[in-house]
């Protein structure tokens, strides 16, 4: 097969199927300064945005496999709209998602710029409220366990 025919076939196949992986690879070859992890983090944020609770937890667990304190990872999260998503998750009723979101936020908020952005979004109150509610639940659970301990042989 000639080079021009192979190139045409490649162009047709790339137009027909545009997967996130191939887009990430294309962008990675266009911008050699940005590591491939940047594009992987952005893809995971897209899964967090669009996923159900289980997919969200899986994506955030995969996200935590990266060093969340690295600048390019934090930049990828910020540029993909991840801060807003992670903060919105705190307003849901899914406790597993809240915990996963807080774990990611804990790591990335070590960056003063991200910390300032979160503060400017006025969610410090939301995080504090979620924390207080969780502590109240823990106290209630501990009280129930103490009562049950006395009655269970």
C-alpha atoms as a PDB file:
ATOM      1  CA  UNK A   1       0.000   0.000   0.000  1.00  0.00           C
ATOM      2  CA  UNK A   2       1.389   3.391  -0.935  1.00  0.00           C
ATOM      3  CA  UNK A   3       2.060   6.084   1.660  1.00  0.00           C
ATOM      4  CA  UNK A   4      -0.656   8.377   0.301  1.00  0.00           C
ATOM      5  CA  UNK A   5      -3.236   5.557   0.379  1.00  0.00           C
ATOM      6  CA  UNK A   6      -2.212   4.648   3.959  1.00  0.00           C
ATOM      7  CA  UNK A   7      -2.479   8.305   4.976  1.00  0.00           C
ATOM      8  CA  UNK A   8      -5.971   8.602   3.448  1.00  0.00           C
ATOM      9  CA  UNK A   9      -7.113   5.438   5.237  1.00  0.00           C
ATOM     10  CA  UNK A  10      -5.677   6.785   8.515  1.00  0.00           C
ATOM     11  CA  UNK A  11      -7.451  10.138   8.014  1.00  0.00           C
ATOM     12  CA  UNK A  12     -10.754   8.409   7.309  1.00  0.00           C
ATOM     13  CA  UNK A  13     -10.484   6.154  10.331  1.00  0.00           C
ATOM     14  CA  UNK A  14      -9.529   9.036  12.614  1.00  0.00           C
ATOM     15  CA  UNK A  15     -12.527  11.044  11.406  1.00  0.00           C
ATOM     16  CA  UNK A  16     -14.879   8.132  11.889  1.00  0.00           C
ATOM     17  CA  UNK A  17     -13.888   7.337  15.437  1.00  0.00           C
ATOM     18  CA  UNK A  18     -12.743  10.106  17.698  1.00  0.00           C
ATOM     19  CA  UNK A  19     -12.166   8.562  21.085  1.00  0.00           C
ATOM     20  CA  UNK A  20     -10.973  10.494  24.137  1.00  0.00           C
ATOM     21  CA  UNK A  21      -7.775   8.452  24.089  1.00  0.00           C
ATOM     22  CA  UNK A  22      -6.935   9.400  20.502  1.00  0.00           C
ATOM     23  CA  UNK A  23      -7.783  13.046  21.190  1.00  0.00           C
ATOM     24  CA  UNK A  24      -5.490  13.012  24.201  1.00  0.00           C
ATOM     25  CA  UNK A  25      -2.710  11.442  22.146  1.00  0.00           C
ATOM     26  CA  UNK A  26      -3.165  14.041  19.392  1.00  0.00           C
ATOM     27  CA  UNK A  27      -3.033  16.893  21.898  1.00  0.00           C
ATOM     28  CA  UNK A  28      -0.034  15.336  23.620  1.00  0.00           C
ATOM     29  CA  UNK A  29       1.897  15.270  20.347  1.00  0.00           C
ATOM     30  CA  UNK A  30       0.893  18.883  19.607  1.00  0.00           C
ATOM     31  CA  UNK A  31       2.122  20.176  22.988  1.00  0.00           C
ATOM     32  CA  UNK A  32       5.277  18.337  24.018  1.00  0.00           C
ATOM     33  CA  UNK A  33       5.749  20.494  27.151  1.00  0.00           C
ATOM     34  CA  UNK A  34       2.636  19.096  28.810  1.00  0.00           C
ATOM     35  CA  UNK A  35       2.968  15.527  30.103  1.00  0.00           C
ATOM     36  CA  UNK A  36       0.459  12.871  29.099  1.00  0.00           C
ATOM     37  CA  UNK A  37      -0.718  12.690  32.719  1.00  0.00           C
ATOM     38  CA  UNK A  38      -2.252  16.135  32.212  1.00  0.00           C
ATOM     39  CA  UNK A  39      -4.594  14.763  29.551  1.00  0.00           C
ATOM     40  CA  UNK A  40      -5.343  11.653  31.616  1.00  0.00           C
ATOM     41  CA  UNK A  41      -6.376  13.821  34.581  1.00  0.00           C
ATOM     42  CA  UNK A  42      -8.607  15.929  32.347  1.00  0.00           C
ATOM     43  CA  UNK A  43     -10.262  12.773  31.014  1.00  0.00           C
ATOM     44  CA  UNK A  44     -10.891  11.537  34.570  1.00  0.00           C
ATOM     45  CA  UNK A  45     -12.512  14.873  35.453  1.00  0.00           C
ATOM     46  CA  UNK A  46     -14.826  14.412  32.454  1.00  0.00           C
ATOM     47  CA  UNK A  47     -15.809  10.998  33.824  1.00  0.00           C
ATOM     48  CA  UNK A  48     -16.462  12.537  37.249  1.00  0.00           C
ATOM     49  CA  UNK A  49     -18.697  15.149  35.600  1.00  0.00           C
ATOM     50  CA  UNK A  50     -20.727  12.696  33.557  1.00  0.00           C
ATOM     51  CA  UNK A  51     -20.726   9.597  35.701  1.00  0.00           C
ATOM     52  CA  UNK A  52     -23.131   8.003  38.123  1.00  0.00           C
ATOM     53  CA  UNK A  53     -21.980   7.705  41.766  1.00  0.00           C
ATOM     54  CA  UNK A  54     -20.080   4.466  41.155  1.00  0.00           C
ATOM     55  CA  UNK A  55     -18.287   5.810  38.080  1.00  0.00           C
ATOM     56  CA  UNK A  56     -17.533   9.022  39.958  1.00  0.00           C
ATOM     57  CA  UNK A  57     -15.907   7.149  42.828  1.00  0.00           C
ATOM     58  CA  UNK A  58     -13.882   4.992  40.445  1.00  0.00           C
ATOM     59  CA  UNK A  59     -12.716   8.068  38.507  1.00  0.00           C
ATOM     60  CA  UNK A  60     -11.783   9.917  41.706  1.00  0.00           C
ATOM     61  CA  UNK A  61      -9.930   6.861  43.007  1.00  0.00           C
ATOM     62  CA  UNK A  62      -7.980   6.778  39.759  1.00  0.00           C
ATOM     63  CA  UNK A  63      -7.400  10.505  40.114  1.00  0.00           C
ATOM     64  CA  UNK A  64      -5.877   9.945  43.544  1.00  0.00           C
ATOM     65  CA  UNK A  65      -3.307   7.629  41.942  1.00  0.00           C
ATOM     66  CA  UNK A  66      -1.688  10.765  40.512  1.00  0.00           C
ATOM     67  CA  UNK A  67       0.430  13.078  42.623  1.00  0.00           C
ATOM     68  CA  UNK A  68      -2.255  15.703  43.234  1.00  0.00           C
ATOM     69  CA  UNK A  69       0.310  18.153  44.573  1.00  0.00           C
ATOM     70  CA  UNK A  70       2.067  18.494  41.196  1.00  0.00           C
ATOM     71  CA  UNK A  71       1.400  21.723  39.337  1.00  0.00           C
ATOM     72  CA  UNK A  72       0.408  20.174  36.011  1.00  0.00           C
ATOM     73  CA  UNK A  73      -2.114  17.858  37.721  1.00  0.00           C
ATOM     74  CA  UNK A  74      -3.666  20.779  39.583  1.00  0.00           C
ATOM     75  CA  UNK A  75      -3.707  22.825  36.383  1.00  0.00           C
ATOM     76  CA  UNK A  76      -5.484  19.970  34.568  1.00  0.00           C
ATOM     77  CA  UNK A  77      -8.124  19.745  37.311  1.00  0.00           C
ATOM     78  CA  UNK A  78      -8.663  23.499  37.321  1.00  0.00           C
ATOM     79  CA  UNK A  79      -8.815  23.855  33.521  1.00  0.00           C
ATOM     80  CA  UNK A  80     -11.238  20.938  33.147  1.00  0.00           C
ATOM     81  CA  UNK A  81     -13.653  22.544  35.612  1.00  0.00           C
ATOM     82  CA  UNK A  82     -12.814  19.989  38.265  1.00  0.00           C
ATOM     83  CA  UNK A  83     -12.901  22.378  41.205  1.00  0.00           C
ATOM     84  CA  UNK A  84     -16.540  23.225  40.606  1.00  0.00           C
ATOM     85  CA  UNK A  85     -17.435  19.572  40.155  1.00  0.00           C
ATOM     86  CA  UNK A  86     -15.604  18.467  43.296  1.00  0.00           C
ATOM     87  CA  UNK A  87     -17.304  21.204  45.286  1.00  0.00           C
ATOM     88  CA  UNK A  88     -20.740  20.447  43.843  1.00  0.00           C
ATOM     89  CA  UNK A  89     -20.346  16.825  44.889  1.00  0.00           C
ATOM     90  CA  UNK A  90     -20.241  18.032  48.493  1.00  0.00           C
ATOM     91  CA  UNK A  91     -23.857  19.143  48.097  1.00  0.00           C
ATOM     92  CA  UNK A  92     -25.098  15.690  47.066  1.00  0.00           C
ATOM     93  CA  UNK A  93     -26.536  12.962  49.267  1.00  0.00           C
ATOM     94  CA  UNK A  94     -23.883  10.422  48.246  1.00  0.00           C
ATOM     95  CA  UNK A  95     -21.562  10.107  51.241  1.00  0.00           C
ATOM     96  CA  UNK A  96     -19.053   7.946  49.369  1.00  0.00           C
ATOM     97  CA  UNK A  97     -18.751  10.604  46.682  1.00  0.00           C
ATOM     98  CA  UNK A  98     -18.429  13.338  49.309  1.00  0.00           C
ATOM     99  CA  UNK A  99     -15.576  11.505  51.003  1.00  0.00           C
ATOM    100  CA  UNK A 100     -13.793  10.885  47.706  1.00  0.00           C
ATOM    101  CA  UNK A 101     -14.226  14.539  46.762  1.00  0.00           C
ATOM    102  CA  UNK A 102     -12.905  15.719  50.130  1.00  0.00           C
ATOM    103  CA  UNK A 103      -9.863  13.471  49.781  1.00  0.00           C
ATOM    104  CA  UNK A 104      -9.020  15.031  46.421  1.00  0.00           C
ATOM    105  CA  UNK A 105      -9.763  18.553  47.672  1.00  0.00           C
ATOM    106  CA  UNK A 106      -7.544  17.986  50.693  1.00  0.00           C
ATOM    107  CA  UNK A 107      -4.558  17.286  48.451  1.00  0.00           C
ATOM    108  CA  UNK A 108      -5.057  19.994  45.846  1.00  0.00           C
ATOM    109  CA  UNK A 109      -5.967  22.714  48.364  1.00  0.00           C
ATOM    110  CA  UNK A 110      -2.370  22.658  49.601  1.00  0.00           C
ATOM    111  CA  UNK A 111      -1.704  24.932  46.626  1.00  0.00           C
ATOM    112  CA  UNK A 112      -2.328  28.536  47.795  1.00  0.00           C
ATOM    113  CA  UNK A 113      -3.827  29.549  44.449  1.00  0.00           C
ATOM    114  CA  UNK A 114      -6.353  26.696  44.482  1.00  0.00           C
ATOM    115  CA  UNK A 115      -7.078  27.328  48.144  1.00  0.00           C
ATOM    116  CA  UNK A 116      -7.798  30.977  47.343  1.00  0.00           C
ATOM    117  CA  UNK A 117     -10.034  29.975  44.436  1.00  0.00           C
ATOM    118  CA  UNK A 118     -12.024  27.619  46.661  1.00  0.00           C
ATOM    119  CA  UNK A 119     -12.344  30.341  49.304  1.00  0.00           C
ATOM    120  CA  UNK A 120     -13.497  32.860  46.682  1.00  0.00           C
ATOM    121  CA  UNK A 121     -16.157  30.392  45.570  1.00  0.00           C
ATOM    122  CA  UNK A 122     -17.567  30.701  49.109  1.00  0.00           C
ATOM    123  CA  UNK A 123     -17.568  26.999  49.778  1.00  0.00           C
ATOM    124  CA  UNK A 124     -15.591  27.076  52.985  1.00  0.00           C
ATOM    125  CA  UNK A 125     -18.924  27.268  54.785  1.00  0.00           C
ATOM    126  CA  UNK A 126     -20.196  24.273  52.810  1.00  0.00           C
ATOM    127  CA  UNK A 127     -17.157  22.162  53.707  1.00  0.00           C
ATOM    128  CA  UNK A 128     -17.411  23.189  57.331  1.00  0.00           C
ATOM    129  CA  UNK A 129     -21.129  22.364  57.397  1.00  0.00           C
ATOM    130  CA  UNK A 130     -20.509  18.940  55.846  1.00  0.00           C
ATOM    131  CA  UNK A 131     -17.785  18.304  58.402  1.00  0.00           C
ATOM    132  CA  UNK A 132     -20.013  19.297  61.334  1.00  0.00           C
ATOM    133  CA  UNK A 133     -22.863  17.124  60.050  1.00  0.00           C
ATOM    134  CA  UNK A 134     -20.508  14.161  59.690  1.00  0.00           C
ATOM    135  CA  UNK A 135     -19.229  14.642  63.236  1.00  0.00           C
ATOM    136  CA  UNK A 136     -22.814  14.737  64.511  1.00  0.00           C
ATOM    137  CA  UNK A 137     -23.486  11.472  62.689  1.00  0.00           C
ATOM    138  CA  UNK A 138     -20.383   9.936  64.215  1.00  0.00           C
ATOM    139  CA  UNK A 139     -21.476  10.965  67.712  1.00  0.00           C
ATOM    140  CA  UNK A 140     -24.928   9.483  67.112  1.00  0.00           C
ATOM    141  CA  UNK A 141     -23.356   6.276  65.831  1.00  0.00           C
ATOM    142  CA  UNK A 142     -21.072   6.057  68.845  1.00  0.00           C
ATOM    143  CA  UNK A 143     -24.047   6.555  71.183  1.00  0.00           C
ATOM    144  CA  UNK A 144     -25.967   3.791  69.388  1.00  0.00           C
ATOM    145  CA  UNK A 145     -22.982   1.470  69.621  1.00  0.00           C
ATOM    146  CA  UNK A 146     -22.678   2.154  73.336  1.00  0.00           C
ATOM    147  CA  UNK A 147     -26.363   1.330  73.860  1.00  0.00           C
ATOM    148  CA  UNK A 148     -26.147  -1.831  71.765  1.00  0.00           C
ATOM    149  CA  UNK A 149     -23.000  -2.948  73.529  1.00  0.00           C
ATOM    150  CA  UNK A 150     -24.873  -2.995  76.833  1.00  0.00           C
ATOM    151  CA  UNK A 151     -27.745  -5.058  75.452  1.00  0.00           C
ATOM    152  CA  UNK A 152     -26.008  -7.509  73.129  1.00  0.00           C
ATOM    153  CA  UNK A 153     -24.620 -10.561  74.994  1.00  0.00           C
END
